[in-house]
All heavy atoms as atom14 arrays in JSON, in Angstrom:
{
  "sequence": "AMRDEGTRLRGSLGHFDVHFTAHWVVRDEEGKPVKDERGIQQ",
  "atom14_mask": [
    [1, 1, 1, 1, 1, 0, 0, 0, 0, 0, 0, 0, 0, 0],
    [1, 1, 1, 1, 1, 1, 1, 1, 0, 0, 0, 0, 0, 0],
    [1, 1, 1, 1, 1, 1, 1, 1, 1, 1, 1, 0, 0, 0],
    [1, 1, 1, 1, 1, 1, 1, 1, 0, 0, 0, 0, 0, 0],
    [1, 1, 1, 1, 1, 1, 1, 1, 1, 0, 0, 0, 0, 0],
    [1, 1, 1, 1, 0, 0, 0, 0, 0, 0, 0, 0, 0, 0],
    [1, 1, 1, 1, 1, 1, 1, 0, 0, 0, 0, 0, 0, 0],
    [1, 1, 1, 1, 1, 1, 1, 1, 1, 1, 1, 0, 0, 0],
    [1, 1, 1, 1, 1, 1, 1, 1, 0, 0, 0, 0, 0, 0],
    [1, 1, 1, 1, 1, 1, 1, 1, 1, 1, 1, 0, 0, 0],
    [1, 1, 1, 1, 0, 0, 0, 0, 0, 0, 0, 0, 0, 0],
    [1, 1, 1, 1, 1, 1, 0, 0, 0, 0, 0, 0, 0, 0],
    [1, 1, 1, 1, 1, 1, 1, 1, 0, 0, 0, 0, 0, 0],
    [1, 1, 1, 1, 0, 0, 0, 0, 0, 0, 0, 0, 0, 0],
    [1, 1, 1, 1, 1, 1, 1, 1, 1, 1, 0, 0, 0, 0],
    [1, 1, 1, 1, 1, 1, 1, 1, 1, 1, 1, 0, 0, 0],
    [1, 1, 1, 1, 1, 1, 1, 1, 0, 0, 0, 0, 0, 0],
    [1, 1, 1, 1, 1, 1, 1, 0, 0, 0, 0, 0, 0, 0],
    [1, 1, 1, 1, 1, 1, 1, 1, 1, 1, 0, 0, 0, 0],
    [1, 1, 1, 1, 1, 1, 1, 1, 1, 1, 1, 0, 0, 0],
    [1, 1, 1, 1, 1, 1, 1, 0, 0, 0, 0, 0, 0, 0],
    [1, 1, 1, 1, 1, 0, 0, 0, 0, 0, 0, 0, 0, 0],
    [1, 1, 1, 1, 1, 1, 1, 1, 1, 1, 0, 0, 0, 0],
    [1, 1, 1, 1, 1, 1, 1, 1, 1, 1, 1, 1, 1, 1],
    [1, 1, 1, 1, 1, 1, 1, 0, 0, 0, 0, 0, 0, 0],
    [1, 1, 1, 1, 1, 1, 1, 0, 0, 0, 0, 0, 0, 0],
    [1, 1, 1, 1, 1, 1, 1, 1, 1, 1, 1, 0, 0, 0],
    [1, 1, 1, 1, 1, 1, 1, 1, 0, 0, 0, 0, 0, 0],
    [1, 1, 1, 1, 1, 1, 1, 1, 1, 0, 0, 0, 0, 0],
    [1, 1, 1, 1, 1, 1, 1, 1, 1, 0, 0, 0, 0, 0],
    [1, 1, 1, 1, 0, 0, 0, 0, 0, 0, 0, 0, 0, 0],
    [1, 1, 1, 1, 1, 1, 1, 1, 1, 0, 0, 0, 0, 0],
    [1, 1, 1, 1, 1, 1, 1, 0, 0, 0, 0, 0, 0, 0],
    [1, 1, 1, 1, 1, 1, 1, 0, 0, 0, 0, 0, 0, 0],
    [1, 1, 1, 1, 1, 1, 1, 1, 1, 0, 0, 0, 0, 0],
    [1, 1, 1, 1, 1, 1, 1, 1, 0, 0, 0, 0, 0, 0],
    [1, 1, 1, 1, 1, 1, 1, 1, 1, 0, 0, 0, 0, 0],
    [1, 1, 1, 1, 1, 1, 1, 1, 1, 1, 1, 0, 0, 0],
    [1, 1, 1, 1, 0, 0, 0, 0, 0, 0, 0, 0, 0, 0],
    [1, 1, 1, 1, 1, 1, 1, 1, 0, 0, 0, 0, 0, 0],
    [1, 1, 1, 1, 1, 1, 1, 1, 1, 0, 0, 0, 0, 0],
    [1, 1, 1, 1, 1, 1, 1, 1, 1, 0, 0, 0, 0, 0]
  ],
  "atom14_positions": [
    [[138.1, 145.39, 93.59], [136.92, 145.05, 92.84], [137.18, 143.77, 92.0], [138.32, 143.34, 91.87], [136.5, 146.19, 91.91], [0.0, 0.0, 0.0], [0.0, 0.0, 0.0], [0.0, 0.0, 0.0], [0.0, 0.0, 0.0], [0.0, 0.0, 0.0], [0.0, 0.0, 0.0], [0.0, 0.0, 0.0], [0.0, 0.0, 0.0], [0.0, 0.0, 0.0]],
    [[136.13, 143.19, 91.46], [136.23, 142.07, 90.59], [136.38, 142.56, 89.15], [135.73, 143.52, 88.76], [135.04, 141.13, 90.67], [134.79, 140.53, 92.05], [136.22, 139.61, 92.7], [136.48, 138.43, 91.34], [0.0, 0.0, 0.0], [0.0, 0.0, 0.0], [0.0, 0.0, 0.0], [0.0, 0.0, 0.0], [0.0, 0.0, 0.0], [0.0, 0.0, 0.0]],
    [[137.19, 141.91, 88.35], [137.39, 142.24, 86.94], [137.33, 140.98, 86.08], [137.31, 139.87, 86.59], [138.74, 142.96, 86.76], [138.78, 144.36, 87.35], [137.86, 145.3, 86.62], [137.91, 146.68, 87.11], [137.07, 147.17, 88.01], [136.14, 146.38, 88.53], [137.16, 148.45, 88.38], [0.0, 0.0, 0.0], [0.0, 0.0, 0.0], [0.0, 0.0, 0.0]],
    [[137.36, 141.15, 84.78], [137.37, 140.04, 83.83], [136.27, 139.04, 84.09], [136.5, 137.84, 84.28], [138.74, 139.32, 83.88], [139.9, 140.21, 83.53], [139.66, 141.32, 82.96], [141.05, 139.84, 83.79], [0.0, 0.0, 0.0], [0.0, 0.0, 0.0], [0.0, 0.0, 0.0], [0.0, 0.0, 0.0], [0.0, 0.0, 0.0], [0.0, 0.0, 0.0]],
    [[135.07, 139.58, 84.13], [133.85, 138.76, 84.31], [133.92, 137.9, 85.59], [133.5, 136.74, 85.65], [133.63, 137.84, 83.1], [133.4, 138.64, 81.82], [133.15, 137.74, 80.61], [133.43, 136.53, 80.72], [132.64, 138.26, 79.61], [0.0, 0.0, 0.0], [0.0, 0.0, 0.0], [0.0, 0.0, 0.0], [0.0, 0.0, 0.0], [0.0, 0.0, 0.0]],
    [[134.48, 138.5, 86.65], [134.51, 137.81, 87.95], [135.6, 136.81, 88.13], [135.58, 136.03, 89.09], [0.0, 0.0, 0.0], [0.0, 0.0, 0.0], [0.0, 0.0, 0.0], [0.0, 0.0, 0.0], [0.0, 0.0, 0.0], [0.0, 0.0, 0.0], [0.0, 0.0, 0.0], [0.0, 0.0, 0.0], [0.0, 0.0, 0.0], [0.0, 0.0, 0.0]],
    [[136.6, 136.78, 87.22], [137.68, 135.8, 87.35], [138.97, 136.44, 87.85], [139.97, 135.72, 88.01], [137.97, 135.12, 85.99], [138.44, 136.11, 85.05], [136.72, 134.43, 85.46], [0.0, 0.0, 0.0], [0.0, 0.0, 0.0], [0.0, 0.0, 0.0], [0.0, 0.0, 0.0], [0.0, 0.0, 0.0], [0.0, 0.0, 0.0], [0.0, 0.0, 0.0]],
    [[138.97, 137.75, 88.11], [140.17, 138.41, 88.65], [139.8, 139.41, 89.73], [138.97, 140.27, 89.52], [140.97, 139.11, 87.53], [142.2, 139.86, 88.04], [143.14, 140.26, 86.91], [142.51, 141.09, 85.9], [142.54, 142.43, 85.94], [143.13, 143.08, 86.9], [141.92, 143.14, 84.98], [0.0, 0.0, 0.0], [0.0, 0.0, 0.0], [0.0, 0.0, 0.0]],
    [[140.4, 139.25, 90.91], [140.21, 140.18, 92.0], [141.44, 141.05, 92.05], [142.56, 140.56, 92.06], [140.05, 139.4, 93.32], [140.17, 140.19, 94.61], [139.0, 141.16, 94.74], [140.23, 139.23, 95.82], [0.0, 0.0, 0.0], [0.0, 0.0, 0.0], [0.0, 0.0, 0.0], [0.0, 0.0, 0.0], [0.0, 0.0, 0.0], [0.0, 0.0, 0.0]],
    [[141.23, 142.38, 92.07], [142.4, 143.26, 92.11], [142.17, 144.49, 92.94], [141.05, 144.92, 93.18], [142.8, 143.63, 90.66], [141.83, 144.58, 89.97], [142.39, 145.99, 90.07], [141.75, 146.89, 89.14], [140.82, 147.77, 89.49], [140.37, 147.81, 90.74], [140.32, 148.61, 88.59], [0.0, 0.0, 0.0], [0.0, 0.0, 0.0], [0.0, 0.0, 0.0]],
    [[143.31, 145.05, 93.43], [143.25, 146.24, 94.21], [144.66, 146.64, 94.69], [145.6, 145.89, 94.49], [0.0, 0.0, 0.0], [0.0, 0.0, 0.0], [0.0, 0.0, 0.0], [0.0, 0.0, 0.0], [0.0, 0.0, 0.0], [0.0, 0.0, 0.0], [0.0, 0.0, 0.0], [0.0, 0.0, 0.0], [0.0, 0.0, 0.0], [0.0, 0.0, 0.0]],
    [[144.77, 147.8, 95.31], [146.02, 148.25, 95.89], [145.97, 148.05, 97.36], [144.93, 148.17, 98.01], [146.29, 149.72, 95.55], [146.37, 149.94, 94.15], [0.0, 0.0, 0.0], [0.0, 0.0, 0.0], [0.0, 0.0, 0.0], [0.0, 0.0, 0.0], [0.0, 0.0, 0.0], [0.0, 0.0, 0.0], [0.0, 0.0, 0.0], [0.0, 0.0, 0.0]],
    [[147.17, 147.73, 97.94], [147.32, 147.67, 99.4], [148.77, 148.01, 99.74], [149.68, 147.39, 99.2], [146.96, 146.28, 99.9], [146.74, 146.16, 101.41], [145.57, 147.02, 101.85], [146.48, 144.72, 101.83], [0.0, 0.0, 0.0], [0.0, 0.0, 0.0], [0.0, 0.0, 0.0], [0.0, 0.0, 0.0], [0.0, 0.0, 0.0], [0.0, 0.0, 0.0]],
    [[148.91, 149.04, 100.58], [150.27, 149.49, 100.89], [150.93, 150.0, 99.65], [150.37, 150.83, 98.91], [0.0, 0.0, 0.0], [0.0, 0.0, 0.0], [0.0, 0.0, 0.0], [0.0, 0.0, 0.0], [0.0, 0.0, 0.0], [0.0, 0.0, 0.0], [0.0, 0.0, 0.0], [0.0, 0.0, 0.0], [0.0, 0.0, 0.0], [0.0, 0.0, 0.0]],
    [[152.13, 149.52, 99.35], [152.9, 149.97, 98.22], [152.76, 149.07, 97.02], [153.55, 149.16, 96.06], [154.37, 150.08, 98.59], [154.68, 151.03, 99.69], [154.45, 152.4, 99.59], [155.12, 150.82, 100.97], [154.77, 152.97, 100.72], [155.17, 152.09, 101.57], [0.0, 0.0, 0.0], [0.0, 0.0, 0.0], [0.0, 0.0, 0.0], [0.0, 0.0, 0.0]],
    [[151.74, 148.21, 97.0], [151.64, 147.2, 95.95], [150.25, 147.2, 95.27], [149.25, 147.53, 95.92], [151.9, 145.79, 96.5], [153.3, 145.6, 97.0], [153.61, 145.81, 98.34], [154.32, 145.27, 96.13], [154.92, 145.65, 98.81], [155.63, 145.08, 96.57], [155.91, 145.29, 97.92], [0.0, 0.0, 0.0], [0.0, 0.0, 0.0], [0.0, 0.0, 0.0]],
    [[150.23, 146.79, 94.04], [149.02, 146.41, 93.31], [148.96, 144.9, 93.34], [149.96, 144.22, 93.05], [149.02, 146.91, 91.88], [148.9, 148.41, 91.78], [148.35, 149.03, 92.7], [149.37, 148.98, 90.77], [0.0, 0.0, 0.0], [0.0, 0.0, 0.0], [0.0, 0.0, 0.0], [0.0, 0.0, 0.0], [0.0, 0.0, 0.0], [0.0, 0.0, 0.0]],
    [[147.79, 144.35, 93.67], [147.66, 142.91, 93.87], [146.52, 142.39, 92.97], [145.47, 143.01, 92.88], [147.31, 142.59, 95.36], [147.3, 141.07, 95.57], [148.29, 143.27, 96.3], [0.0, 0.0, 0.0], [0.0, 0.0, 0.0], [0.0, 0.0, 0.0], [0.0, 0.0, 0.0], [0.0, 0.0, 0.0], [0.0, 0.0, 0.0], [0.0, 0.0, 0.0]],
    [[146.78, 141.27, 92.3], [145.76, 140.62, 91.46], [145.7, 139.14, 91.81], [146.73, 138.45, 91.85], [146.14, 140.76, 89.96], [146.32, 142.17, 89.51], [145.36, 142.82, 88.79], [147.32, 143.06, 89.68], [145.77, 144.07, 88.51], [146.95, 144.23, 89.05], [0.0, 0.0, 0.0], [0.0, 0.0, 0.0], [0.0, 0.0, 0.0], [0.0, 0.0, 0.0]],
    [[144.47, 138.66, 92.04], [144.26, 137.22, 92.35], [143.51, 136.57, 91.18], [142.53, 137.1, 90.66], [143.36, 137.06, 93.59], [144.06, 137.23, 94.89], [144.19, 138.51, 95.45], [144.58, 136.18, 95.57], [144.82, 138.69, 96.68], [145.21, 136.32, 96.78], [145.35, 137.58, 97.33], [0.0, 0.0, 0.0], [0.0, 0.0, 0.0], [0.0, 0.0, 0.0]],
    [[144.0, 135.4, 90.76], [143.27, 134.56, 89.81], [143.36, 133.12, 90.3], [144.32, 132.73, 90.98], [143.84, 134.67, 88.39], [145.25, 134.42, 88.43], [143.55, 136.01, 87.76], [0.0, 0.0, 0.0], [0.0, 0.0, 0.0], [0.0, 0.0, 0.0], [0.0, 0.0, 0.0], [0.0, 0.0, 0.0], [0.0, 0.0, 0.0], [0.0, 0.0, 0.0]],
    [[142.38, 132.3, 89.95], [142.37, 130.88, 90.28], [142.22, 130.08, 88.98], [141.48, 130.46, 88.1], [141.2, 130.53, 91.22], [0.0, 0.0, 0.0], [0.0, 0.0, 0.0], [0.0, 0.0, 0.0], [0.0, 0.0, 0.0], [0.0, 0.0, 0.0], [0.0, 0.0, 0.0], [0.0, 0.0, 0.0], [0.0, 0.0, 0.0], [0.0, 0.0, 0.0]],
    [[142.97, 128.98, 88.88], [143.07, 128.21, 87.64], [142.91, 126.73, 87.9], [143.35, 126.25, 88.95], [144.43, 128.44, 86.95], [144.78, 129.88, 86.8], [144.68, 130.53, 85.58], [145.21, 130.79, 87.7], [145.11, 131.8, 85.76], [145.41, 131.97, 87.03], [0.0, 0.0, 0.0], [0.0, 0.0, 0.0], [0.0, 0.0, 0.0], [0.0, 0.0, 0.0]],
    [[142.32, 126.01, 86.95], [142.39, 124.53, 87.01], [142.5, 124.0, 85.57], [142.37, 124.69, 84.61], [141.26, 123.96, 87.82], [139.88, 123.88, 87.18], [139.47, 124.42, 86.0], [138.79, 123.17, 87.7], [138.15, 124.11, 85.78], [137.73, 123.33, 86.82], [138.59, 122.4, 88.85], [136.48, 122.75, 87.04], [137.35, 121.82, 89.07], [136.3, 122.03, 88.18]],
    [[142.73, 122.68, 85.5], [142.99, 122.02, 84.25], [141.71, 121.85, 83.43], [140.66, 121.41, 83.98], [143.68, 120.65, 84.48], [143.86, 119.91, 83.16], [145.01, 120.84, 85.17], [0.0, 0.0, 0.0], [0.0, 0.0, 0.0], [0.0, 0.0, 0.0], [0.0, 0.0, 0.0], [0.0, 0.0, 0.0], [0.0, 0.0, 0.0], [0.0, 0.0, 0.0]],
    [[141.76, 122.18, 82.14], [140.65, 121.91, 81.22], [140.62, 120.42, 80.91], [141.66, 119.82, 80.6], [140.81, 122.7, 79.91], [139.7, 122.37, 78.92], [140.82, 124.2, 80.21], [0.0, 0.0, 0.0], [0.0, 0.0, 0.0], [0.0, 0.0, 0.0], [0.0, 0.0, 0.0], [0.0, 0.0, 0.0], [0.0, 0.0, 0.0], [0.0, 0.0, 0.0]],
    [[139.43, 119.79, 80.95], [139.33, 118.38, 80.68], [138.23, 118.11, 79.66], [137.28, 118.89, 79.54], [139.04, 117.61, 81.99], [140.2, 117.67, 82.98], [139.98, 116.92, 84.24], [141.16, 117.04, 85.07], [142.17, 116.19, 85.09], [142.12, 115.11, 84.31], [143.21, 116.4, 85.88], [0.0, 0.0, 0.0], [0.0, 0.0, 0.0], [0.0, 0.0, 0.0]],
    [[138.42, 117.01, 78.92], [137.41, 116.64, 77.91], [136.28, 115.87, 78.56], [136.22, 115.73, 79.8], [138.05, 115.84, 76.79], [138.69, 114.54, 77.25], [138.32, 114.03, 78.35], [139.58, 114.0, 76.55], [0.0, 0.0, 0.0], [0.0, 0.0, 0.0], [0.0, 0.0, 0.0], [0.0, 0.0, 0.0], [0.0, 0.0, 0.0], [0.0, 0.0, 0.0]],
    [[135.34, 115.4, 77.75], [134.16, 114.7, 78.28], [134.52, 113.42, 79.06], [133.77, 112.97, 79.89], [133.2, 114.36, 77.15], [132.61, 115.58, 76.46], [131.66, 115.22, 75.33], [131.55, 114.01, 75.01], [131.03, 116.15, 74.79], [0.0, 0.0, 0.0], [0.0, 0.0, 0.0], [0.0, 0.0, 0.0], [0.0, 0.0, 0.0], [0.0, 0.0, 0.0]],
    [[135.68, 112.86, 78.76], [136.12, 111.66, 79.45], [136.96, 111.98, 80.72], [137.42, 111.08, 81.42], [136.95, 110.77, 78.53], [136.17, 110.26, 77.32], [137.02, 109.4, 76.39], [138.26, 109.32, 76.65], [136.47, 108.83, 75.46], [0.0, 0.0, 0.0], [0.0, 0.0, 0.0], [0.0, 0.0, 0.0], [0.0, 0.0, 0.0], [0.0, 0.0, 0.0]],
    [[137.11, 113.27, 80.96], [137.88, 113.66, 82.15], [139.39, 113.73, 81.96], [140.11, 113.94, 82.9], [0.0, 0.0, 0.0], [0.0, 0.0, 0.0], [0.0, 0.0, 0.0], [0.0, 0.0, 0.0], [0.0, 0.0, 0.0], [0.0, 0.0, 0.0], [0.0, 0.0, 0.0], [0.0, 0.0, 0.0], [0.0, 0.0, 0.0], [0.0, 0.0, 0.0]],
    [[139.82, 113.62, 80.7], [141.26, 113.65, 80.42], [141.7, 115.09, 80.17], [140.96, 115.89, 79.52], [141.59, 112.79, 79.23], [141.33, 111.3, 79.46], [141.67, 110.5, 78.21], [141.38, 109.0, 78.43], [141.7, 108.21, 77.2], [0.0, 0.0, 0.0], [0.0, 0.0, 0.0], [0.0, 0.0, 0.0], [0.0, 0.0, 0.0], [0.0, 0.0, 0.0]],
    [[142.91, 115.49, 80.63], [143.37, 116.86, 80.38], [143.49, 117.19, 78.89], [143.93, 116.35, 78.11], [144.76, 116.87, 81.03], [144.74, 115.78, 82.04], [143.84, 114.73, 81.43], [0.0, 0.0, 0.0], [0.0, 0.0, 0.0], [0.0, 0.0, 0.0], [0.0, 0.0, 0.0], [0.0, 0.0, 0.0], [0.0, 0.0, 0.0], [0.0, 0.0, 0.0]],
    [[143.07, 118.38, 78.49], [143.22, 118.84, 77.13], [144.61, 119.48, 76.97], [144.97, 120.35, 77.77], [142.13, 119.88, 76.8], [142.33, 120.44, 75.39], [140.74, 119.24, 76.91], [0.0, 0.0, 0.0], [0.0, 0.0, 0.0], [0.0, 0.0, 0.0], [0.0, 0.0, 0.0], [0.0, 0.0, 0.0], [0.0, 0.0, 0.0], [0.0, 0.0, 0.0]],
    [[145.38, 119.04, 75.98], [146.74, 119.53, 75.82], [146.9, 120.26, 74.5], [146.16, 120.02, 73.57], [147.7, 118.34, 75.9], [147.69, 117.62, 77.23], [148.72, 116.5, 77.28], [148.68, 115.79, 78.63], [149.68, 114.72, 78.73], [0.0, 0.0, 0.0], [0.0, 0.0, 0.0], [0.0, 0.0, 0.0], [0.0, 0.0, 0.0], [0.0, 0.0, 0.0]],
    [[147.91, 121.17, 74.46], [148.15, 121.9, 73.25], [149.11, 121.1, 72.33], [149.44, 119.95, 72.66], [148.74, 123.3, 73.55], [150.09, 123.26, 74.29], [150.74, 122.19, 74.26], [150.47, 124.27, 74.87], [0.0, 0.0, 0.0], [0.0, 0.0, 0.0], [0.0, 0.0, 0.0], [0.0, 0.0, 0.0], [0.0, 0.0, 0.0], [0.0, 0.0, 0.0]],
    [[149.56, 121.71, 71.25], [150.38, 121.01, 70.29], [151.73, 120.58, 70.86], [152.4, 119.69, 70.3], [150.59, 121.87, 69.03], [151.35, 123.16, 69.25], [150.48, 124.3, 69.8], [149.29, 124.03, 70.04], [151.0, 125.39, 70.02], [0.0, 0.0, 0.0], [0.0, 0.0, 0.0], [0.0, 0.0, 0.0], [0.0, 0.0, 0.0], [0.0, 0.0, 0.0]],
    [[152.16, 121.19, 71.97], [153.43, 120.83, 72.59], [153.23, 119.8, 73.71], [154.2, 119.42, 74.38], [154.13, 122.07, 73.15], [154.56, 123.09, 72.09], [155.07, 124.34, 72.76], [154.01, 124.95, 73.57], [154.25, 125.85, 74.53], [155.49, 126.22, 74.77], [153.23, 126.38, 75.2], [0.0, 0.0, 0.0], [0.0, 0.0, 0.0], [0.0, 0.0, 0.0]],
    [[151.98, 119.42, 73.92], [151.69, 118.44, 74.97], [151.53, 119.04, 76.33], [151.53, 118.3, 77.35], [0.0, 0.0, 0.0], [0.0, 0.0, 0.0], [0.0, 0.0, 0.0], [0.0, 0.0, 0.0], [0.0, 0.0, 0.0], [0.0, 0.0, 0.0], [0.0, 0.0, 0.0], [0.0, 0.0, 0.0], [0.0, 0.0, 0.0], [0.0, 0.0, 0.0]],
    [[151.39, 120.38, 76.42], [151.2, 121.03, 77.71], [149.71, 121.18, 77.98], [148.98, 121.63, 77.14], [151.86, 122.44, 77.72], [153.31, 122.35, 77.31], [151.7, 123.1, 79.08], [154.15, 121.52, 78.24], [0.0, 0.0, 0.0], [0.0, 0.0, 0.0], [0.0, 0.0, 0.0], [0.0, 0.0, 0.0], [0.0, 0.0, 0.0], [0.0, 0.0, 0.0]],
    [[149.29, 120.74, 79.15], [147.86, 120.77, 79.44], [147.33, 122.2, 79.57], [148.02, 123.1, 80.06], [147.55, 119.95, 80.7], [148.3, 120.32, 81.95], [148.19, 119.26, 82.98], [147.65, 118.16, 82.78], [148.66, 119.52, 84.19], [0.0, 0.0, 0.0], [0.0, 0.0, 0.0], [0.0, 0.0, 0.0], [0.0, 0.0, 0.0], [0.0, 0.0, 0.0]],
    [[146.09, 122.38, 79.12], [145.46, 123.69, 79.12], [144.7, 123.92, 80.42], [144.19, 123.0, 81.06], [144.48, 123.78, 77.96], [145.16, 123.6, 76.59], [146.19, 124.73, 76.33], [145.83, 125.88, 76.1], [147.46, 124.37, 76.42], [0.0, 0.0, 0.0], [0.0, 0.0, 0.0], [0.0, 0.0, 0.0], [0.0, 0.0, 0.0], [0.0, 0.0, 0.0]]
  ]
}
């Protein structure tokens, strides 16, 4: 089923629990990556 407002797909298969998520870089209005205080992009 889908969880977390449709951002996580999860279920069991065989001997495992499996969770899928997809991610991309947050960007500002100018298209530049938004970074945290350590300079790591969000």
